[in-house]
Amino acid sequence: ELDSVATFYNLLFRQPVGRHVVMVCDSVSCWIMGYEKIRQYLMDKLGVGMGETTPDGRFTLLPICCLGNCDRAPAMMVGEDLHQDLTPEKIDAILEKYA
């Protein structure tokens, strides 16, 4: 019972995560607007797959069902900060803020 509650909420982690959790929206709107390209760019940039943490413990990369920002897709959150209209160039600038 407790496990079903813990897995329902996106911000309850059952295992250690990095200092900054990057949650990439994989809703239909984000898929249409380039989610796959953004996801691949993030995985290449961070050197990890979805659900993994960088070796330095700085970032954990996770999918999230919907951030409710469909009109500005693709979107992601880093911690509590929402980022939208993502491009590889924007991602570079965003990640530098958390380095």
Protein backbone atom coordinates (compact mmCIF):
# COMPACT_ATOMS: atom_id res chain seq x y z
CA GLU A 1 0.00 0.00 0.00
CA LEU A 2 2.74 2.44 0.92
CA ASP A 3 4.59 1.56 -2.28
CA SER A 4 1.58 2.54 -4.42
CA VAL A 5 1.39 5.92 -2.71
CA ALA A 6 5.13 6.54 -3.11
CA THR A 7 5.10 5.64 -6.80
CA PHE A 8 2.08 7.85 -7.52
CA TYR A 9 3.91 11.11 -6.71
CA ASN A 10 6.65 12.29 -9.06
CA LEU A 11 8.65 14.09 -6.39
CA LEU A 12 8.92 11.22 -3.92
CA PHE A 13 12.07 9.29 -4.73
CA ARG A 14 12.58 5.75 -3.46
CA GLN A 15 16.28 5.74 -4.25
CA PRO A 16 19.01 8.39 -4.12
CA VAL A 17 18.92 11.09 -6.80
CA GLY A 18 21.36 13.76 -7.90
CA ARG A 19 21.59 17.24 -6.47
CA HIS A 20 19.43 18.50 -9.38
CA VAL A 21 16.59 16.38 -10.76
CA VAL A 22 15.90 17.09 -14.43
CA MET A 23 12.35 16.02 -15.31
CA VAL A 24 11.60 16.01 -19.03
CA CYS A 25 7.94 16.18 -20.00
CA ASP A 26 6.90 13.29 -22.24
CA SER A 27 3.25 14.27 -22.76
CA VAL A 28 1.65 14.16 -26.21
CA SER A 29 2.21 17.88 -26.79
CA CYS A 30 5.89 17.62 -25.92
CA TRP A 31 6.26 14.55 -28.16
CA ILE A 32 4.76 16.47 -31.07
CA MET A 33 7.01 19.47 -30.41
CA GLY A 34 10.29 17.53 -30.24
CA TYR A 35 10.51 15.55 -26.99
CA GLU A 36 12.59 12.77 -28.58
CA LYS A 37 15.23 15.21 -29.84
CA ILE A 38 15.35 17.00 -26.46
CA ARG A 39 15.51 13.72 -24.52
CA GLN A 40 18.36 12.44 -26.69
CA TYR A 41 20.24 15.73 -26.40
CA LEU A 42 19.97 15.66 -22.60
CA MET A 43 21.12 12.03 -22.43
CA ASP A 44 24.11 12.79 -24.66
CA LYS A 45 24.96 16.03 -22.83
CA LEU A 46 24.77 14.46 -19.36
CA GLY A 47 26.16 11.08 -20.40
CA VAL A 48 23.33 9.15 -18.74
CA GLY A 49 20.12 7.39 -19.71
CA MET A 50 16.65 8.15 -18.45
CA GLY A 51 16.40 7.23 -14.77
CA GLU A 52 20.15 7.55 -14.21
CA THR A 53 22.35 9.94 -12.25
CA THR A 54 25.55 11.51 -13.53
CA PRO A 55 28.73 10.03 -12.02
CA ASP A 56 29.44 13.29 -10.15
CA GLY A 57 25.99 13.13 -8.52
CA ARG A 58 24.97 16.49 -9.93
CA PHE A 59 22.01 15.52 -12.18
CA THR A 60 19.37 12.79 -12.31
CA LEU A 61 17.41 12.58 -15.57
CA LEU A 62 13.78 11.45 -15.34
CA PRO A 63 10.67 11.50 -17.52
CA ILE A 64 7.53 13.17 -16.17
CA CYS A 65 4.05 12.65 -17.54
CA CYS A 66 2.91 16.26 -17.93
CA LEU A 67 4.08 19.61 -16.64
CA GLY A 68 0.89 21.37 -17.75
CA ASN A 69 2.83 23.67 -20.05
CA CYS A 70 1.60 22.25 -23.35
CA ASP A 71 1.41 25.61 -25.12
CA ARG A 72 5.17 26.09 -24.58
CA ALA A 73 6.35 22.55 -25.35
CA PRO A 74 8.80 20.92 -25.13
CA ALA A 75 9.28 21.55 -21.43
CA MET A 76 11.30 20.30 -18.48
CA MET A 77 11.84 21.09 -14.83
CA VAL A 78 15.12 21.27 -12.98
CA GLY A 79 14.19 21.02 -9.33
CA GLU A 80 11.29 23.45 -8.98
CA ASP A 81 12.25 25.60 -11.99
CA LEU A 82 10.16 25.22 -15.15
CA HIS A 83 11.85 25.63 -18.54
CA GLN A 84 9.94 25.73 -21.81
CA ASP A 85 10.31 26.10 -25.59
CA LEU A 86 13.43 23.96 -25.26
CA THR A 87 16.22 23.83 -27.83
CA PRO A 88 19.72 22.36 -27.45
CA GLU A 89 21.10 25.89 -27.03
CA LYS A 90 18.61 26.70 -24.27
CA ILE A 91 19.41 23.41 -22.53
CA ASP A 92 23.13 24.26 -22.51
CA ALA A 93 22.41 27.62 -20.84
CA ILE A 94 19.97 26.08 -18.36
CA LEU A 95 22.34 23.31 -17.25
CA GLU A 96 25.19 25.79 -16.78
CA LYS A 97 23.13 27.56 -14.10
CA TYR A 98 23.13 24.34 -12.08
CA ALA A 99 26.77 23.37 -12.66
